[in-house]
C-alpha atoms as a PDB file:
ATOM      1  CA  MET A   1     144.720 106.873 106.389  1.00  0.00           C
ATOM      2  CA  PHE A   2     142.825 104.265 104.326  1.00  0.00           C
ATOM      3  CA  GLY A   3     141.186 106.720 101.922  1.00  0.00           C
ATOM      4  CA  ARG A   4     144.216 107.426  99.773  1.00  0.00           C
ATOM      5  CA  PHE A   5     145.554 104.516  97.788  1.00  0.00           C
ATOM      6  CA  GLY A   6     148.296 105.274  95.351  1.00  0.00           C
ATOM      7  CA  TRP A   7     149.377 103.198  92.376  1.00  0.00           C
ATOM      8  CA  ALA A   8     151.978 101.387  94.485  1.00  0.00           C
ATOM      9  CA  GLU A   9     149.424 100.198  97.078  1.00  0.00           C
ATOM     10  CA  ILE A  10     147.010  99.045  94.394  1.00  0.00           C
ATOM     11  CA  LEU A  11     149.830  97.167  92.628  1.00  0.00           C
ATOM     12  CA  VAL A  12     150.746  95.376  95.880  1.00  0.00           C
ATOM     13  CA  ILE A  13     147.103  94.374  96.438  1.00  0.00           C
ATOM     14  CA  VAL A  14     146.795  93.042  92.858  1.00  0.00           C
ATOM     15  CA  VAL A  15     150.005  91.027  93.220  1.00  0.00           C
ATOM     16  CA  LEU A  16     148.787  89.549  96.516  1.00  0.00           C
ATOM     17  CA  VAL A  17     145.452  88.553  94.977  1.00  0.00           C
ATOM     18  CA  ILE A  18     147.211  86.873  92.038  1.00  0.00           C
ATOM     19  CA  VAL A  19     149.561  85.006  94.371  1.00  0.00           C
ATOM     20  CA  LEU A  20     146.779  83.872  96.720  1.00  0.00           C
ATOM     21  CA  PHE A  21     144.219  82.775  94.144  1.00  0.00           C
ATOM     22  CA  GLY A  22     146.315  82.065  91.079  1.00  0.00           C
ATOM     23  CA  SER A  23     145.935  83.710  87.717  1.00  0.00           C
ATOM     24  CA  GLY A  24     143.672  80.939  86.384  1.00  0.00           C
ATOM     25  CA  LYS A  25     140.902  81.309  88.977  1.00  0.00           C
ATOM     26  CA  ILE A  26     140.557  85.091  88.939  1.00  0.00           C
ATOM     27  CA  PRO A  27     138.653  85.344  85.602  1.00  0.00           C
ATOM     28  CA  GLY A  28     136.238  82.630  86.750  1.00  0.00           C
ATOM     29  CA  MET A  29     135.627  84.422  90.040  1.00  0.00           C
ATOM     30  CA  MET A  30     134.980  87.716  88.231  1.00  0.00           C
ATOM     31  CA  LYS A  31     132.560  86.007  85.810  1.00  0.00           C
ATOM     32  CA  ASN A  32     130.632  84.458  88.703  1.00  0.00           C
ATOM     33  CA  LEU A  33     130.517  87.825  90.463  1.00  0.00           C
ATOM     34  CA  ALA A  34     129.225  89.563  87.322  1.00  0.00           C
ATOM     35  CA  ASP A  35     126.583  86.856  86.757  1.00  0.00           C
ATOM     36  CA  GLY A  36     125.397  87.176  90.324  1.00  0.00           C
ATOM     37  CA  LEU A  37     125.126  90.957  90.053  1.00  0.00           C
ATOM     38  CA  ASN A  38     123.182  90.688  86.787  1.00  0.00           C
ATOM     39  CA  ILE A  39     120.712  88.218  88.303  1.00  0.00           C
ATOM     40  CA  PHE A  40     120.301  90.481  91.327  1.00  0.00           C
ATOM     41  CA  LYS A  41     119.592  93.506  89.116  1.00  0.00           C
ATOM     42  CA  LYS A  42     117.037  91.563  87.056  1.00  0.00           C
ATOM     43  CA  GLU A  43     115.185  90.395  90.179  1.00  0.00           C
ATOM     44  CA  ILE A  44     115.075  93.916  91.606  1.00  0.00           C
ATOM     45  CA  ALA A  45     113.700  95.279  88.324  1.00  0.00           C
ATOM     46  CA  LYS A  46     111.181  92.418  88.167  1.00  0.00           C
ATOM     47  CA  GLN A  47     109.919  93.169  91.681  1.00  0.00           C
ATOM     48  CA  LYS A  48     109.429  96.833  90.826  1.00  0.00           C
ATOM     49  CA  THR A  49     107.280  96.013  87.793  1.00  0.00           C
ATOM     50  CA  GLU A  50     105.246  93.087  89.186  1.00  0.00           C
ATOM     51  CA  PRO A  51     102.441  93.851  91.620  1.00  0.00           C
ATOM     52  CA  VAL A  52     102.407  91.974  94.890  1.00  0.00           C
ATOM     53  CA  PRO A  53      99.664  89.292  94.650  1.00  0.00           C
ATOM     54  CA  ALA A  54      98.613  89.492  98.300  1.00  0.00           C
ATOM     55  CA  ILE A  55      98.059  93.233  98.147  1.00  0.00           C
ATOM     56  CA  ASP A  56      96.153  92.973  94.855  1.00  0.00           C
ATOM     57  CA  ALA A  57      93.904  90.248  96.250  1.00  0.00           C
ATOM     58  CA  ALA A  58      93.196  92.337  99.332  1.00  0.00           C
ATOM     59  CA  LYS A  59      92.329  95.377  97.221  1.00  0.00           C
ATOM     60  CA  LYS A  60      89.918  93.311  95.106  1.00  0.00           C
ATOM     61  CA  ALA A  61      88.311  91.686  98.145  1.00  0.00           C
ATOM     62  CA  ALA A  62      87.797  94.940 100.065  1.00  0.00           C
ATOM     63  CA  PRO A  63      84.778  96.233  98.074  1.00  0.00           C
ATOM     64  CA  LYS A  64      83.179  92.789  98.175  1.00  0.00           C
ATOM     65  CA  ALA A  65      83.649  92.593 101.930  1.00  0.00           C
ATOM     66  CA  LYS A  66      82.067  96.021 102.421  1.00  0.00           C
ATOM     67  CA  ALA A  67      79.079  95.041 100.296  1.00  0.00           C
ATOM     68  CA  ALA A  68      78.676  91.753 102.148  1.00  0.00           C
ATOM     69  CA  ALA A  69      78.814  93.525 105.504  1.00  0.00           C
ATOM     70  CA  LYS A  70      75.862  95.722 104.534  1.00  0.00           C
ATOM     71  CA  LYS A  71      73.619  92.770 103.579  1.00  0.00           C
ATOM     72  CA  PRO A  72      71.675  91.068 106.376  1.00  0.00           C
ATOM     73  CA  VAL A  73      72.641  87.495 107.016  1.00  0.00           C
ATOM     74  CA  ALA A  74      69.777  84.991 106.764  1.00  0.00           C
ATOM     75  CA  LYS A  75      69.710  82.193 109.290  1.00  0.00           C
ATOM     76  CA  PRO A  76      69.758  78.734 107.751  1.00  0.00           C
ATOM     77  CA  ALA A  77      66.736  76.523 108.323  1.00  0.00           C
ATOM     78  CA  ALA A  78      67.197  73.738 110.844  1.00  0.00           C
ATOM     79  CA  LYS A  79      67.578  70.340 109.226  1.00  0.00           C
ATOM     80  CA  LYS A  80      65.560  67.404 110.427  1.00  0.00           C
ATOM     81  CA  SER A  81      67.794  64.444 110.965  1.00  0.00           C
ATOM     82  CA  ALA A  82      66.892  60.813 111.206  1.00  0.00           C
ATOM     83  CA  PRO A  83      67.319  59.182 114.599  1.00  0.00           C
ATOM     84  CA  VAL A  84      70.746  57.734 115.052  1.00  0.00           C
ATOM     85  CA  SER A  85      70.920  54.174 116.282  1.00  0.00           C
ATOM     86  CA  LYS A  86      73.907  52.884 118.135  1.00  0.00           C
ATOM     87  CA  LYS A  87      75.249  49.593 116.969  1.00  0.00           C
ATOM     88  CA  THR A  88      76.822  47.302 119.429  1.00  0.00           C
ATOM     89  CA  VAL A  89      80.181  45.980 118.473  1.00  0.00           C
ATOM     90  CA  LYS A  90      81.188  42.546 119.682  1.00  0.00           C
ATOM     91  CA  LYS A  91      84.770  42.295 120.729  1.00  0.00           C
ATOM     92  CA  SER A  92      86.444  39.028 120.099  1.00  0.00           C
ATOM     93  CA  SER A  93      88.749  37.685 122.731  1.00  0.00           C
ATOM     94  CA  LYS A  94      91.536  35.361 121.935  1.00  0.00           C
ATOM     95  CA  SER A  95      92.690  32.845 124.460  1.00  0.00           C
ATOM     96  CA  LYS A  96      96.390  32.186 124.720  1.00  0.00           C
END
Protein backbone atom coordinates (compact mmCIF):
# COMPACT_ATOMS: atom_id res chain seq x y z
CA MET A 1 0.00 0.00 0.00
CA PHE A 2 2.66 2.54 1.06
CA GLY A 3 5.60 0.82 -0.65
CA ARG A 4 4.82 1.87 -4.19
CA PHE A 5 5.02 5.57 -4.91
CA GLY A 6 4.64 6.60 -8.49
CA TRP A 7 5.73 9.87 -10.07
CA ALA A 8 2.31 11.40 -9.44
CA GLU A 9 2.41 10.74 -5.67
CA ILE A 10 5.95 12.09 -5.38
CA LEU A 11 4.94 15.21 -7.34
CA VAL A 12 2.01 15.82 -4.97
CA ILE A 13 4.29 15.45 -1.93
CA VAL A 14 6.85 17.89 -3.41
CA VAL A 15 4.13 20.45 -4.17
CA LEU A 16 2.76 20.15 -0.63
CA VAL A 17 6.22 20.66 0.88
CA ILE A 18 6.80 23.76 -1.28
CA VAL A 19 3.41 25.19 -0.33
CA LEU A 20 3.85 24.50 3.40
CA PHE A 21 7.42 25.72 3.82
CA GLY A 22 7.88 28.10 0.92
CA SER A 23 10.49 27.81 -1.78
CA GLY A 24 12.93 30.11 0.04
CA LYS A 25 13.27 28.02 3.21
CA ILE A 26 13.73 24.60 1.61
CA PRO A 27 17.38 25.10 0.51
CA GLY A 28 18.28 26.37 3.98
CA MET A 29 16.62 23.37 5.62
CA MET A 30 18.47 20.97 3.30
CA LYS A 31 21.80 22.70 4.02
CA ASN A 32 21.23 22.42 7.77
CA LEU A 33 20.29 18.76 7.38
CA ALA A 34 23.43 18.05 5.33
CA ASP A 35 25.65 19.89 7.85
CA GLY A 36 24.16 17.92 10.70
CA LEU A 37 24.72 14.62 8.91
CA ASN A 38 28.33 15.54 8.12
CA ILE A 39 29.04 16.44 11.76
CA PHE A 40 27.43 13.18 12.88
CA LYS A 41 29.57 11.15 10.46
CA LYS A 42 32.76 12.91 11.61
CA GLU A 43 31.99 12.23 15.28
CA ILE A 44 31.28 8.56 14.60
CA ALA A 45 34.56 8.21 12.69
CA LYS A 46 36.40 10.07 15.47
CA GLN A 47 35.03 7.72 18.13
CA LYS A 48 36.13 4.68 16.15
CA THR A 49 39.72 5.94 15.90
CA GLU A 50 40.16 7.41 19.40
CA PRO A 51 40.65 5.01 22.30
CA VAL A 52 38.41 5.42 25.30
CA PRO A 53 40.48 7.09 28.08
CA ALA A 54 38.83 5.24 30.96
CA ILE A 55 39.52 1.84 29.43
CA ASP A 56 43.12 2.77 28.60
CA ALA A 57 43.73 4.00 32.14
CA ALA A 58 42.30 0.80 33.56
CA LYS A 59 44.49 -1.33 31.30
CA LYS A 60 47.60 0.60 32.38
CA ALA A 61 46.69 0.43 36.07
CA ALA A 62 45.94 -3.31 36.08
CA PRO A 63 49.57 -4.56 36.02
CA LYS A 64 50.53 -2.02 38.68
CA ALA A 65 47.66 -3.13 40.89
CA LYS A 66 48.67 -6.79 40.55
CA ALA A 67 52.26 -5.97 41.46
CA ALA A 68 51.17 -3.89 44.44
CA ALA A 69 48.91 -6.68 45.67
CA LYS A 70 51.85 -9.09 45.80
CA LYS A 71 54.02 -6.77 47.94
CA PRO A 72 53.51 -6.88 51.72
CA VAL A 73 52.20 -3.70 53.22
CA ALA A 74 54.38 -2.22 55.98
CA LYS A 75 52.61 -0.73 58.96
CA PRO A 76 53.44 2.91 59.57
CA ALA A 77 55.20 3.78 62.81
CA ALA A 78 53.04 5.41 65.46
CA LYS A 79 53.68 9.13 65.79
CA LYS A 80 54.24 10.68 69.17
CA SER A 81 52.08 13.72 69.56
CA ALA A 82 52.42 16.57 71.97
CA PRO A 83 49.76 16.85 74.65
CA VAL A 84 46.84 18.93 73.55
CA SER A 85 45.72 21.65 75.91
CA LYS A 86 42.21 22.93 75.89
CA LYS A 87 41.84 26.66 75.88
CA THR A 88 38.92 28.19 77.59
CA VAL A 89 37.00 30.67 75.56
CA LYS A 90 35.28 33.53 77.34
CA LYS A 91 31.91 34.37 75.96
CA SER A 92 30.94 37.97 76.08
CA SER A 93 27.40 38.81 77.00
CA LYS A 94 25.76 41.95 75.90
CA SER A 95 23.10 43.54 78.00
CA LYS A 96 20.14 45.08 76.24
